[in-house]
Amino acid sequence: MYRVWSFLTNYSLLLIIGALTALVWANIDPHSYHHFVEFPVLFNDWIGVDYDYWKKLYGEGYDKYDAGGAAKVLSAHYIVNDMAMALFFGIAAKEVWEAVVLKNGSLRGKKAATPLFATLGGMVGPISVYLGLAVLLGSDTYDAVANGWAIPTATDIAFSYLVGRIVFGAGHPAVRFLLLLAIADDAAGLIILAIFYPSGELALEWLLLSVFAAVAVFFIFNWLPRRMDQHKQDRPNSTWMRKTLGFWPYAVAGCVSWYGFMASGLHPSLGLLPIVPAIPHADRAFGIFSEAEKYLTDLLNQIEHALKSPVEVVLFFFGLLNAGVEFSSIGDATWLVLAGLLIGKPVGILIFGWLAAKPLGLGIPEGMRIIDLVVIGCVAAIGFTVSLFFASAAFDAGPVQDAAKMGALFSFIAAAISIAVGRITRVEKQDA
């Protein structure tokens, strides 16, 4: 078992601090909290929430601010969720890209088959439970909550990894299995966000701008220098590009791509995804969030590690601006999200993992038991970060969104359940 980068632990801590601060603040003084979340940082005509939409939902209390006829509102919530979270999803995309494409990638070959099947089960199970129970609650409830079907599909990679270490020990093969499942879940989540949760009316021709930015930066600053360096051991052109220009060409391309996503109507937080494959990368993968990658000199890994501290700060503010829900907001969506996570995840992962391992003959890692899939499913039921994000994307601000967010927050119950189930199933901890 390779050593995992401490970034996962650090960002978990700051995210929790932000979320707890938001919970306390929202329950002590909800008016000032929501005033802070939707504060209009800038009125403009290019970037932000549609002004009429913002005015309808949040405008009360902001009358003293003159919009000056602007079409858009750049709010604190928009800056974090739609702009800054692009860095977080960019890092997730980098890990997925390496796991799928590079030599020794974790999501390549037969070794990844059972975790991928389990990931599919970990999505089908929660969706089935969420929508099935919503139907039983009646048509009115179903109509109100149906768009949140993706919320319980999420697995928080950092918190699930930390709890997995507690339950299994750092050296147990189930921890690596869990990381594979979580990163595949993240990849599926990015696809769901792009397809099912657009941020506005679709104008997909704007995606050509993102494609152009990715192709141009790859050709000019990646492919061309390497082409010019053929048969030159010292690689002068590639080295000059890396040392002199560094990440700046890709930062500019990222901004252009982000704008293309925003203008297209797709969620702009996905705007960096086309740029990730264009950045010079290592020849082989060392594992998901592997600590060994900090010693690599390729630009993609250098950028990821340079973004460590900024992304930790972003996740603090993400928790602060998204987790502030009043306890009185608990409702049907809360229990549906919880049921999807706590029941659908373990059952789906067990069934699909068993089908892959036994009937399909794909097997499971040496040292793992089939019953360990139940424990992995319980650990993977911690949705939190991406579940909160999906709740914001699926519902307009209001009681249903708040209730769904409460379900995402309550998913931490899965940590205690995982420890209990681990003891019941007699998991033997294996320390590194």
Protein backbone atom coordinates (compact mmCIF):
# COMPACT_ATOMS: atom_id res chain seq x y z
CA MET A 1 0.00 0.00 0.00
CA TYR A 2 1.51 3.31 -1.09
CA ARG A 3 1.54 6.35 1.19
CA VAL A 4 -1.32 8.77 0.55
CA TRP A 5 -0.71 12.52 0.33
CA SER A 6 -1.44 14.44 3.56
CA PHE A 7 -3.52 16.89 1.49
CA LEU A 8 -6.56 14.66 2.07
CA THR A 9 -6.24 15.01 5.84
CA ASN A 10 -5.59 18.75 5.78
CA TYR A 11 -8.47 19.63 3.50
CA SER A 12 -10.82 17.45 5.57
CA LEU A 13 -9.94 19.43 8.68
CA LEU A 14 -10.48 22.85 7.09
CA LEU A 15 -13.69 21.69 5.43
CA ILE A 16 -15.06 20.50 8.77
CA ILE A 17 -14.11 23.78 10.47
CA GLY A 18 -15.90 25.73 7.75
CA ALA A 19 -18.98 23.51 7.90
CA LEU A 20 -19.24 23.61 11.71
CA THR A 21 -18.84 27.40 11.68
CA ALA A 22 -21.64 27.63 9.11
CA LEU A 23 -23.95 25.35 11.12
CA VAL A 24 -23.48 27.33 14.32
CA TRP A 25 -23.80 30.68 12.55
CA ALA A 26 -26.93 29.69 10.60
CA ASN A 27 -28.69 28.43 13.71
CA ILE A 28 -27.77 31.45 15.85
CA ASP A 29 -28.35 34.23 13.31
CA PRO A 30 -29.68 32.86 10.00
CA HIS A 31 -30.37 36.32 8.55
CA SER A 32 -26.76 37.53 8.81
CA TYR A 33 -25.47 34.15 7.58
CA HIS A 34 -27.56 34.17 4.39
CA HIS A 35 -26.75 37.86 3.89
CA PHE A 36 -23.07 36.89 3.91
CA VAL A 37 -23.52 33.90 1.57
CA GLU A 38 -25.31 35.84 -1.16
CA PHE A 39 -23.51 39.15 -0.66
CA PRO A 40 -23.20 40.94 -4.04
CA VAL A 41 -19.46 41.39 -4.47
CA LEU A 42 -19.84 42.85 -7.97
CA PHE A 43 -22.63 43.75 -10.37
CA ASN A 44 -21.57 43.26 -14.00
CA ASP A 45 -22.70 42.03 -17.40
CA TRP A 46 -20.42 39.00 -17.90
CA ILE A 47 -19.96 36.69 -14.91
CA GLY A 48 -22.24 35.57 -12.11
CA VAL A 49 -25.83 34.71 -11.29
CA ASP A 50 -28.58 36.17 -13.45
CA TYR A 51 -29.57 39.44 -11.76
CA ASP A 52 -33.34 38.89 -11.97
CA TYR A 53 -32.99 35.40 -10.49
CA TRP A 54 -30.76 36.68 -7.69
CA LYS A 55 -33.07 39.62 -6.99
CA LYS A 56 -36.09 37.32 -6.75
CA LEU A 57 -34.47 34.87 -4.33
CA TYR A 58 -32.05 37.01 -2.34
CA GLY A 59 -32.60 40.66 -3.24
CA GLU A 60 -34.46 41.56 -0.06
CA GLY A 61 -32.00 43.30 2.26
CA TYR A 62 -29.67 44.37 -0.54
CA ASP A 63 -31.77 47.32 -1.74
CA LYS A 64 -29.08 49.80 -0.73
CA TYR A 65 -26.75 48.35 -3.38
CA ASP A 66 -27.16 49.91 -6.83
CA ALA A 67 -26.99 47.29 -9.58
CA GLY A 68 -26.66 49.99 -12.23
CA GLY A 69 -28.65 47.97 -14.76
CA ALA A 70 -26.19 45.04 -14.58
CA ALA A 71 -27.29 41.66 -15.93
CA LYS A 72 -25.19 39.54 -13.56
CA VAL A 73 -24.40 39.39 -9.84
CA LEU A 74 -21.06 38.03 -8.65
CA SER A 75 -21.99 36.80 -5.17
CA ALA A 76 -19.76 35.21 -2.52
CA HIS A 77 -21.54 31.88 -3.10
CA TYR A 78 -20.94 32.06 -6.86
CA ILE A 79 -17.25 32.91 -6.41
CA VAL A 80 -16.72 29.80 -4.28
CA ASN A 81 -19.07 27.23 -5.85
CA ASP A 82 -18.80 28.16 -9.52
CA MET A 83 -15.31 29.64 -9.75
CA ALA A 84 -12.99 28.50 -6.95
CA MET A 85 -14.35 24.93 -6.79
CA ALA A 86 -13.07 24.52 -10.36
CA LEU A 87 -9.62 24.08 -8.74
CA PHE A 88 -10.92 21.25 -6.54
CA PHE A 89 -12.57 19.48 -9.46
CA GLY A 90 -9.44 20.09 -11.52
CA ILE A 91 -7.36 18.18 -8.96
CA ALA A 92 -9.94 15.38 -8.92
CA ALA A 93 -9.84 15.27 -12.73
CA LYS A 94 -6.04 15.08 -12.66
CA GLU A 95 -6.16 12.00 -10.43
CA VAL A 96 -8.81 10.38 -12.65
CA TRP A 97 -6.84 11.22 -15.81
CA GLU A 98 -3.66 9.62 -14.47
CA ALA A 99 -5.52 6.58 -13.14
CA VAL A 100 -7.12 5.95 -16.54
CA VAL A 101 -4.37 6.93 -19.00
CA LEU A 102 -0.91 6.48 -17.48
CA LYS A 103 1.09 3.28 -17.17
CA ASN A 104 0.22 1.49 -13.90
CA GLY A 105 -2.92 3.63 -13.62
CA SER A 106 -5.24 2.41 -10.88
CA LEU A 107 -8.28 2.36 -13.16
CA ARG A 108 -6.60 0.37 -15.93
CA GLY A 109 -6.78 -3.36 -16.52
CA LYS A 110 -8.52 -6.22 -14.77
CA LYS A 111 -7.49 -5.00 -11.31
CA ALA A 112 -9.88 -2.08 -11.66
CA ALA A 113 -12.86 -4.13 -12.88
CA THR A 114 -14.37 -5.09 -9.52
CA PRO A 115 -13.95 -1.60 -7.97
CA LEU A 116 -15.60 -0.12 -11.08
CA PHE A 117 -18.51 -2.56 -10.82
CA ALA A 118 -18.79 -1.70 -7.13
CA THR A 119 -18.79 2.00 -8.04
CA LEU A 120 -21.70 1.39 -10.41
CA GLY A 121 -23.56 -0.40 -7.63
CA GLY A 122 -22.73 2.47 -5.30
CA MET A 123 -24.63 4.75 -7.67
CA VAL A 124 -27.51 2.51 -8.76
CA GLY A 125 -28.30 1.54 -5.15
CA PRO A 126 -28.64 5.08 -3.75
CA ILE A 127 -30.61 6.32 -6.78
CA SER A 128 -33.02 3.38 -6.51
CA VAL A 129 -33.56 3.86 -2.77
CA TYR A 130 -33.92 7.65 -3.07
CA LEU A 131 -36.42 7.62 -5.93
CA GLY A 132 -38.22 4.49 -4.71
CA LEU A 133 -38.91 5.97 -1.29
CA ALA A 134 -39.84 9.30 -2.87
CA VAL A 135 -42.53 7.51 -4.91
CA LEU A 136 -43.89 5.88 -1.75
CA LEU A 137 -44.15 9.31 -0.07
CA GLY A 138 -46.57 10.50 -2.75
CA SER A 139 -46.58 12.46 -5.97
CA ASP A 140 -46.22 15.87 -4.31
CA THR A 141 -43.09 14.80 -2.43
CA TYR A 142 -41.70 13.04 -5.50
CA ASP A 143 -42.15 16.12 -7.67
CA ALA A 144 -40.43 18.28 -5.04
CA VAL A 145 -37.38 16.05 -4.48
CA ALA A 146 -36.92 14.01 -7.68
CA ASN A 147 -34.24 16.29 -9.13
CA GLY A 148 -31.99 15.48 -6.18
CA TRP A 149 -31.51 11.85 -7.19
CA ALA A 150 -27.75 12.33 -7.67
CA ILE A 151 -27.11 13.69 -4.16
CA PRO A 152 -26.72 10.27 -2.45
CA THR A 153 -24.49 8.90 -5.23
CA ALA A 154 -21.48 10.86 -3.96
CA THR A 155 -18.59 9.52 -1.90
CA ASP A 156 -16.34 11.99 -0.12
CA ILE A 157 -12.88 10.72 -1.01
CA ALA A 158 -11.04 12.37 1.88
CA PHE A 159 -13.39 11.46 4.72
CA SER A 160 -14.01 7.95 3.40
CA TYR A 161 -10.24 7.41 3.21
CA LEU A 162 -9.74 8.62 6.79
CA VAL A 163 -12.55 6.43 8.14
CA GLY A 164 -11.35 3.51 6.02
CA ARG A 165 -7.93 3.76 7.65
CA ILE A 166 -9.54 3.68 11.09
CA VAL A 167 -11.65 0.63 10.26
CA PHE A 168 -9.22 -1.41 8.15
CA GLY A 169 -5.78 0.00 8.99
CA ALA A 170 -3.58 1.83 6.50
CA GLY A 171 -2.12 -1.37 5.01
CA HIS A 172 -5.35 -3.25 4.32
CA PRO A 173 -6.12 -3.87 0.61
CA ALA A 174 -9.68 -2.68 1.27
CA VAL A 175 -8.34 0.87 1.71
CA ARG A 176 -6.86 0.86 -1.79
CA PHE A 177 -10.12 -0.65 -3.10
CA LEU A 178 -12.01 2.17 -1.37
CA LEU A 179 -9.78 4.83 -2.94
CA LEU A 180 -10.33 3.33 -6.39
CA LEU A 181 -14.07 3.31 -5.80
CA ALA A 182 -14.07 6.88 -4.51
CA ILE A 183 -12.07 8.34 -7.41
CA ALA A 184 -14.24 6.46 -9.93
CA ASP A 185 -17.26 7.84 -8.09
CA ASP A 186 -15.80 11.34 -8.45
CA ALA A 187 -15.37 10.77 -12.19
CA ALA A 188 -18.99 9.66 -12.51
CA GLY A 189 -20.05 12.66 -10.42
CA LEU A 190 -18.32 15.05 -12.83
CA ILE A 191 -20.21 13.47 -15.72
CA ILE A 192 -23.53 13.69 -13.85
CA LEU A 193 -22.90 17.34 -13.00
CA ALA A 194 -22.13 18.15 -16.63
CA ILE A 195 -25.09 16.32 -18.15
CA PHE A 196 -27.91 16.60 -15.63
CA TYR A 197 -27.24 19.82 -13.74
CA PRO A 198 -26.57 22.66 -16.18
CA SER A 199 -26.27 26.08 -14.58
CA GLY A 200 -28.42 27.84 -17.18
CA GLU A 201 -29.86 27.60 -20.66
CA LEU A 202 -27.63 25.46 -22.85
CA ALA A 203 -25.60 27.09 -25.60
CA LEU A 204 -23.17 24.26 -26.30
CA GLU A 205 -21.43 26.09 -29.14
CA TRP A 206 -19.54 27.96 -26.41
CA LEU A 207 -17.76 24.70 -25.57
CA LEU A 208 -15.79 25.21 -28.77
CA LEU A 209 -14.00 27.99 -26.89
CA SER A 210 -12.94 25.50 -24.21
CA VAL A 211 -11.85 22.98 -26.83
CA PHE A 212 -9.87 25.66 -28.68
CA ALA A 213 -8.13 26.75 -25.45
CA ALA A 214 -7.16 23.16 -24.62
CA VAL A 215 -5.93 22.31 -28.13
CA ALA A 216 -4.02 25.58 -28.52
CA VAL A 217 -2.20 25.38 -25.19
CA PHE A 218 -1.36 21.71 -25.78
CA PHE A 219 -0.01 22.30 -29.28
CA ILE A 220 1.99 25.48 -28.58
CA PHE A 221 3.34 24.83 -25.08
CA ASN A 222 3.44 21.03 -24.82
CA TRP A 223 3.56 19.18 -28.15
CA LEU A 224 5.63 21.70 -30.15
CA PRO A 225 8.54 22.02 -27.65
CA ARG A 226 8.73 18.23 -27.35
CA ARG A 227 8.72 17.94 -31.13
CA MET A 228 11.56 20.46 -31.38
CA ASP A 229 13.49 18.54 -28.71
CA GLN A 230 13.50 15.23 -30.57
CA HIS A 231 16.95 13.61 -30.43
CA LYS A 232 18.13 16.25 -27.92
CA GLN A 233 18.87 14.70 -24.53
CA ASP A 234 18.91 18.01 -22.65
CA ARG A 235 15.44 18.97 -24.05
CA PRO A 236 16.22 22.71 -24.14
CA ASN A 237 12.86 23.91 -25.47
CA SER A 238 10.71 21.88 -23.08
CA THR A 239 12.93 22.87 -20.16
CA TRP A 240 12.74 26.55 -21.08
CA MET A 241 8.95 26.36 -21.32
CA ARG A 242 8.68 24.65 -17.93
CA LYS A 243 11.15 26.86 -16.07
CA THR A 244 10.38 30.22 -17.68
CA LEU A 245 6.66 30.14 -18.41
CA GLY A 246 5.66 27.47 -15.89
CA PHE A 247 1.94 27.08 -15.39
CA TRP A 248 0.93 30.51 -16.75
CA PRO A 249 -0.08 29.41 -20.27
CA TYR A 250 -2.30 26.74 -18.72
CA ALA A 251 -3.74 29.21 -16.21
CA VAL A 252 -4.75 31.52 -19.05
CA ALA A 253 -6.18 28.60 -21.02
CA GLY A 254 -8.03 27.49 -17.88
CA CYS A 255 -9.68 30.90 -17.53
CA VAL A 256 -10.74 30.83 -21.19
CA SER A 257 -12.08 27.29 -20.83
CA TRP A 258 -13.94 28.22 -17.64
CA TYR A 259 -15.65 31.08 -19.45
CA GLY A 260 -16.61 28.72 -22.26
CA PHE A 261 -18.28 26.36 -19.79
CA MET A 262 -20.07 29.22 -18.05
CA ALA A 263 -21.37 30.66 -21.32
CA SER A 264 -22.41 27.19 -22.54
CA GLY A 265 -24.76 26.67 -19.61
CA LEU A 266 -22.79 23.72 -18.22
CA HIS A 267 -21.68 24.05 -14.63
CA PRO A 268 -18.61 26.34 -14.74
CA SER A 269 -16.90 24.47 -11.89
CA LEU A 270 -16.05 21.86 -14.54
CA GLY A 271 -14.29 24.44 -16.68
CA LEU A 272 -10.73 23.21 -16.06
CA LEU A 273 -11.42 19.63 -17.12
CA PRO A 274 -10.44 20.07 -20.81
CA ILE A 275 -7.13 21.69 -19.79
CA VAL A 276 -5.89 18.89 -17.49
CA PRO A 277 -4.98 16.45 -20.32
CA ALA A 278 -3.13 19.24 -22.15
CA ILE A 279 -0.58 19.75 -19.34
CA PRO A 280 2.76 17.85 -19.51
CA HIS A 281 2.46 14.85 -17.21
CA ALA A 282 4.49 11.93 -15.86
CA ASP A 283 4.95 8.68 -17.79
CA ARG A 284 3.46 6.45 -15.08
CA ALA A 285 1.06 6.65 -12.17
CA PHE A 286 2.05 6.01 -8.56
CA GLY A 287 -1.43 5.67 -7.05
CA ILE A 288 -4.38 7.91 -6.25
CA PHE A 289 -3.18 10.96 -4.30
CA SER A 290 0.17 9.22 -3.83
CA GLU A 291 2.67 11.03 -1.61
CA ALA A 292 5.44 9.93 -4.00
CA GLU A 293 4.10 12.33 -6.63
CA LYS A 294 5.42 15.33 -4.71
CA TYR A 295 8.92 14.30 -5.83
CA LEU A 296 7.98 14.33 -9.53
CA THR A 297 9.04 17.25 -11.70
CA ASP A 298 6.40 17.09 -14.44
CA LEU A 299 4.31 20.25 -14.67
CA LEU A 300 0.97 18.55 -13.92
CA ASN A 301 2.15 17.26 -10.55
CA GLN A 302 3.90 20.55 -9.77
CA ILE A 303 0.66 22.43 -10.42
CA GLU A 304 -1.33 20.01 -8.27
CA HIS A 305 1.02 20.46 -5.33
CA ALA A 306 1.15 24.23 -5.80
CA LEU A 307 -2.65 24.26 -5.56
CA LYS A 308 -2.64 22.36 -2.26
CA SER A 309 -2.93 25.36 0.07
CA PRO A 310 -5.28 27.41 -2.15
CA VAL A 311 -7.66 24.45 -2.48
CA GLU A 312 -7.62 23.86 1.27
CA VAL A 313 -8.73 27.49 1.72
CA VAL A 314 -11.36 27.07 -1.00
CA LEU A 315 -12.77 24.02 0.78
CA PHE A 316 -12.96 25.93 4.06
CA PHE A 317 -15.09 28.56 2.35
CA PHE A 318 -17.08 25.88 0.55
CA GLY A 319 -18.03 24.40 3.92
CA LEU A 320 -18.72 27.87 5.30
CA LEU A 321 -20.97 28.93 2.41
CA ASN A 322 -22.81 25.64 1.84
CA ALA A 323 -23.28 23.88 5.17
CA GLY A 324 -25.18 26.64 6.96
CA VAL A 325 -28.61 25.05 7.33
CA GLU A 326 -30.97 25.38 10.26
CA PHE A 327 -31.87 22.20 12.13
CA SER A 328 -35.52 23.10 11.67
CA SER A 329 -35.05 22.50 7.93
CA ILE A 330 -35.00 18.71 8.37
CA GLY A 331 -37.58 17.25 6.00
CA ASP A 332 -38.37 14.48 3.52
CA ALA A 333 -35.28 15.22 1.41
CA THR A 334 -33.09 14.75 4.52
CA TRP A 335 -34.29 11.20 5.09
CA LEU A 336 -34.26 10.33 1.40
CA VAL A 337 -30.63 11.41 1.03
CA LEU A 338 -29.69 9.55 4.22
CA ALA A 339 -31.52 6.40 3.15
CA GLY A 340 -29.88 6.52 -0.26
CA LEU A 341 -26.44 6.80 1.33
CA LEU A 342 -26.79 4.54 4.38
CA ILE A 343 -28.88 1.80 2.73
CA GLY A 344 -28.40 2.17 -1.01
CA LYS A 345 -24.60 2.54 -0.96
CA PRO A 346 -23.71 -0.58 1.07
CA VAL A 347 -26.33 -2.76 -0.64
CA GLY A 348 -25.40 -1.57 -4.13
CA ILE A 349 -21.66 -1.96 -3.56
CA LEU A 350 -22.11 -5.43 -2.05
CA ILE A 351 -24.37 -6.73 -4.84
CA PHE A 352 -22.41 -5.33 -7.76
CA GLY A 353 -19.05 -6.12 -6.14
CA TRP A 354 -20.14 -9.71 -5.50
CA LEU A 355 -21.42 -10.08 -9.08
CA ALA A 356 -18.05 -8.91 -10.41
CA ALA A 357 -15.96 -10.98 -8.01
CA LYS A 358 -17.86 -14.28 -8.13
CA PRO A 359 -20.22 -14.89 -11.10
CA LEU A 360 -18.08 -12.82 -13.49
CA GLY A 361 -14.87 -14.23 -12.03
CA LEU A 362 -13.07 -10.89 -11.78
CA GLY A 363 -12.05 -11.50 -8.18
CA ILE A 364 -11.16 -9.14 -5.36
CA PRO A 365 -7.73 -8.05 -4.08
CA GLU A 366 -5.76 -10.63 -2.13
CA GLY A 367 -6.39 -10.20 1.59
CA MET A 368 -9.97 -8.96 1.13
CA ARG A 369 -13.18 -10.87 1.87
CA ILE A 370 -16.55 -10.44 0.16
CA ILE A 371 -18.02 -9.33 3.50
CA ASP A 372 -15.53 -6.45 3.47
CA LEU A 373 -17.60 -4.97 0.65
CA VAL A 374 -20.35 -4.26 3.18
CA VAL A 375 -17.93 -2.28 5.34
CA ILE A 376 -16.55 -0.46 2.29
CA GLY A 377 -20.13 0.41 1.34
CA CYS A 378 -20.77 1.87 4.78
CA VAL A 379 -17.58 3.93 4.62
CA ALA A 380 -18.43 5.13 1.10
CA ALA A 381 -21.79 6.37 2.41
CA ILE A 382 -20.08 9.52 3.71
CA GLY A 383 -21.22 11.89 0.97
CA PHE A 384 -20.56 15.35 2.42
CA THR A 385 -18.54 17.53 -0.02
CA VAL A 386 -19.91 16.43 -3.39
CA SER A 387 -23.36 15.71 -1.90
CA LEU A 388 -23.51 19.30 -0.64
CA PHE A 389 -22.42 20.51 -4.07
CA PHE A 390 -25.07 18.42 -5.83
CA ALA A 391 -27.74 19.71 -3.42
CA SER A 392 -26.87 23.29 -4.39
CA ALA A 393 -26.96 22.36 -8.08
CA ALA A 394 -30.16 20.28 -7.93
CA PHE A 395 -32.44 22.65 -6.02
CA ASP A 396 -33.03 26.37 -5.80
CA ALA A 397 -32.33 27.94 -2.42
CA GLY A 398 -35.16 27.09 -0.06
CA PRO A 399 -36.57 24.38 2.23
CA VAL A 400 -35.95 21.41 -0.08
CA GLN A 401 -32.32 22.37 -0.72
CA ASP A 402 -31.73 22.92 3.01
CA ALA A 403 -33.33 19.57 3.86
CA ALA A 404 -31.17 17.78 1.29
CA LYS A 405 -28.05 19.48 2.62
CA MET A 406 -28.94 18.31 6.11
CA GLY A 407 -29.01 14.75 4.78
CA ALA A 408 -25.53 15.24 3.33
CA LEU A 409 -24.28 16.55 6.68
CA PHE A 410 -25.91 13.71 8.60
CA SER A 411 -24.10 11.22 6.35
CA PHE A 412 -21.23 11.41 8.84
CA ILE A 413 -23.29 8.90 10.82
CA ALA A 414 -21.82 6.42 8.35
CA ALA A 415 -18.46 6.72 10.12
CA ALA A 416 -19.84 5.29 13.37
CA ILE A 417 -21.83 2.67 11.46
CA SER A 418 -18.68 1.64 9.57
CA ILE A 419 -16.71 1.12 12.77
CA ALA A 420 -19.55 -0.94 14.26
CA VAL A 421 -20.03 -3.05 11.12
CA GLY A 422 -16.27 -3.56 10.92
CA ARG A 423 -16.29 -5.05 14.40
CA ILE A 424 -19.35 -7.19 13.71
CA THR A 425 -17.76 -8.60 10.55
CA ARG A 426 -14.45 -9.06 12.39
CA VAL A 427 -12.26 -6.94 10.16
CA GLU A 428 -8.60 -7.58 10.93
CA LYS A 429 -6.76 -4.26 10.85
CA GLN A 430 -3.55 -4.19 8.85
CA ASP A 431 -1.30 -1.26 9.61
CA ALA A 432 1.23 -0.07 7.04
